[in-house]
Amino acid sequence: MRSRRVALAVALAFGCIWGLLAVTTPQAAERTLWGYGVRDCRSYLAAGTDTAELTRYEDWLAGFVSALSLALGEDVLASADLAVALRATRSYCRDNRDQDFFNAAMDFVQSATRLP
């Protein structure tokens, strides 16, 4: 039941975020997306030691987990903190360079919610 609730909240949050980030113009039939969650893992890893760029990813991740926590009514990082989440997303991205940062974040959130 809890995993279904998490999946529903994630879908709702992603749908809201996707809807807020999508911008259409009369000249363009496709959408332009904004935000660091839609950037690929290669870009995240390429940030290297660029503190300003890494802070943007950290800020996006903090907003994402905050939104999920509010939607679920519980702390989705209950057994971890943001530094742990960032290390986990980096590890995910090293193994899945073609994925986006959102998927790296979701992988961590899903594993964190299963922790005792």
Protein backbone atom coordinates (compact mmCIF):
# COMPACT_ATOMS: atom_id res chain seq x y z
CA MET A 1 0.00 0.00 0.00
CA ARG A 2 2.80 2.37 0.92
CA SER A 3 4.67 1.77 -2.35
CA ARG A 4 1.46 2.41 -4.28
CA ARG A 5 0.99 5.68 -2.37
CA VAL A 6 4.60 6.67 -3.12
CA ALA A 7 4.17 5.82 -6.81
CA LEU A 8 0.96 7.83 -6.98
CA ALA A 9 2.54 10.83 -5.25
CA VAL A 10 5.58 10.63 -7.51
CA ALA A 11 3.39 10.48 -10.60
CA LEU A 12 1.35 13.43 -9.34
CA ALA A 13 4.44 15.47 -8.46
CA PHE A 14 6.13 14.66 -11.76
CA GLY A 15 2.98 15.54 -13.67
CA CYS A 16 2.72 18.86 -11.86
CA ILE A 17 6.40 19.63 -12.33
CA TRP A 18 6.24 18.59 -16.00
CA GLY A 19 3.19 20.78 -16.54
CA LEU A 20 4.81 23.76 -14.85
CA LEU A 21 8.05 23.36 -16.74
CA ALA A 22 6.60 22.87 -20.19
CA VAL A 23 6.37 25.99 -22.28
CA THR A 24 4.74 26.09 -25.69
CA THR A 25 4.98 28.79 -28.26
CA PRO A 26 2.65 29.38 -31.19
CA GLN A 27 5.54 28.73 -33.61
CA ALA A 28 6.68 25.49 -31.99
CA ALA A 29 4.63 22.33 -31.80
CA GLU A 30 6.98 20.69 -29.30
CA ARG A 31 7.57 21.72 -25.71
CA THR A 32 10.64 23.31 -24.24
CA LEU A 33 11.43 21.98 -20.78
CA TRP A 34 13.20 23.83 -17.99
CA GLY A 35 14.91 22.65 -14.86
CA TYR A 36 17.84 20.51 -13.90
CA GLY A 37 15.75 17.36 -13.52
CA VAL A 38 15.45 17.01 -17.28
CA ARG A 39 19.20 17.28 -17.84
CA ASP A 40 20.99 14.06 -18.59
CA CYS A 41 23.37 12.32 -16.24
CA ARG A 42 26.31 13.14 -18.52
CA SER A 43 25.72 16.86 -17.88
CA TYR A 44 25.53 16.28 -14.14
CA LEU A 45 28.78 14.31 -14.14
CA ALA A 46 30.42 16.89 -16.43
CA ALA A 47 29.75 19.57 -13.81
CA GLY A 48 32.73 18.04 -11.99
CA THR A 49 33.87 20.50 -9.35
CA ASP A 50 31.96 23.52 -10.70
CA THR A 51 30.43 24.59 -7.39
CA ALA A 52 27.84 26.90 -8.93
CA GLU A 53 26.61 24.23 -11.34
CA LEU A 54 26.53 21.52 -8.66
CA THR A 55 24.56 23.88 -6.41
CA ARG A 56 21.89 24.14 -9.12
CA TYR A 57 21.51 20.35 -9.16
CA GLU A 58 21.44 20.28 -5.36
CA ASP A 59 18.78 22.99 -5.27
CA TRP A 60 16.66 21.10 -7.81
CA LEU A 61 17.00 17.89 -5.79
CA ALA A 62 16.11 19.70 -2.55
CA GLY A 63 12.98 21.16 -4.16
CA PHE A 64 12.02 17.81 -5.64
CA VAL A 65 12.29 15.84 -2.39
CA SER A 66 10.57 18.67 -0.51
CA ALA A 67 7.64 18.55 -2.94
CA LEU A 68 7.41 14.78 -2.63
CA SER A 69 7.56 14.99 1.16
CA LEU A 70 4.73 17.52 1.18
CA ALA A 71 2.66 15.47 -1.26
CA LEU A 72 3.14 12.28 0.78
CA GLY A 73 2.87 13.91 4.19
CA GLU A 74 6.15 12.31 5.26
CA ASP A 75 9.88 12.88 4.88
CA VAL A 76 10.97 10.83 1.88
CA LEU A 77 14.59 11.14 3.05
CA ALA A 78 13.73 9.97 6.58
CA SER A 79 16.85 7.86 6.96
CA ALA A 80 19.19 10.05 4.93
CA ASP A 81 20.03 13.64 4.17
CA LEU A 82 20.56 15.65 1.01
CA ALA A 83 24.30 14.85 0.90
CA VAL A 84 23.50 11.13 0.85
CA ALA A 85 20.91 11.71 -1.89
CA LEU A 86 23.48 13.61 -3.98
CA ARG A 87 26.05 10.83 -3.61
CA ALA A 88 23.41 8.28 -4.63
CA THR A 89 22.37 10.30 -7.69
CA ARG A 90 26.02 10.62 -8.73
CA SER A 91 26.48 6.87 -8.39
CA TYR A 92 23.31 6.21 -10.39
CA CYS A 93 24.44 8.62 -13.10
CA ARG A 94 27.85 6.97 -13.39
CA ASP A 95 26.08 3.69 -14.17
CA ASN A 96 23.28 5.22 -16.29
CA ARG A 97 24.77 8.11 -18.26
CA ASP A 98 21.88 8.14 -20.76
CA GLN A 99 19.26 8.69 -18.07
CA ASP A 100 18.19 12.08 -16.78
CA PHE A 101 18.78 13.58 -13.34
CA PHE A 102 15.10 13.06 -12.46
CA ASN A 103 15.51 9.28 -12.86
CA ALA A 104 18.63 9.37 -10.69
CA ALA A 105 16.69 11.23 -7.99
CA MET A 106 13.72 8.88 -8.27
CA ASP A 107 15.95 5.83 -7.96
CA PHE A 108 17.25 7.16 -4.65
CA VAL A 109 13.83 8.19 -3.34
CA GLN A 110 12.38 4.77 -4.15
CA SER A 111 15.24 3.00 -2.37
CA ALA A 112 15.11 5.39 0.61
CA THR A 113 11.40 4.84 1.17
CA ARG A 114 12.01 1.10 1.45
CA LEU A 115 14.54 1.53 4.25
CA PRO A 116 13.45 0.46 7.76
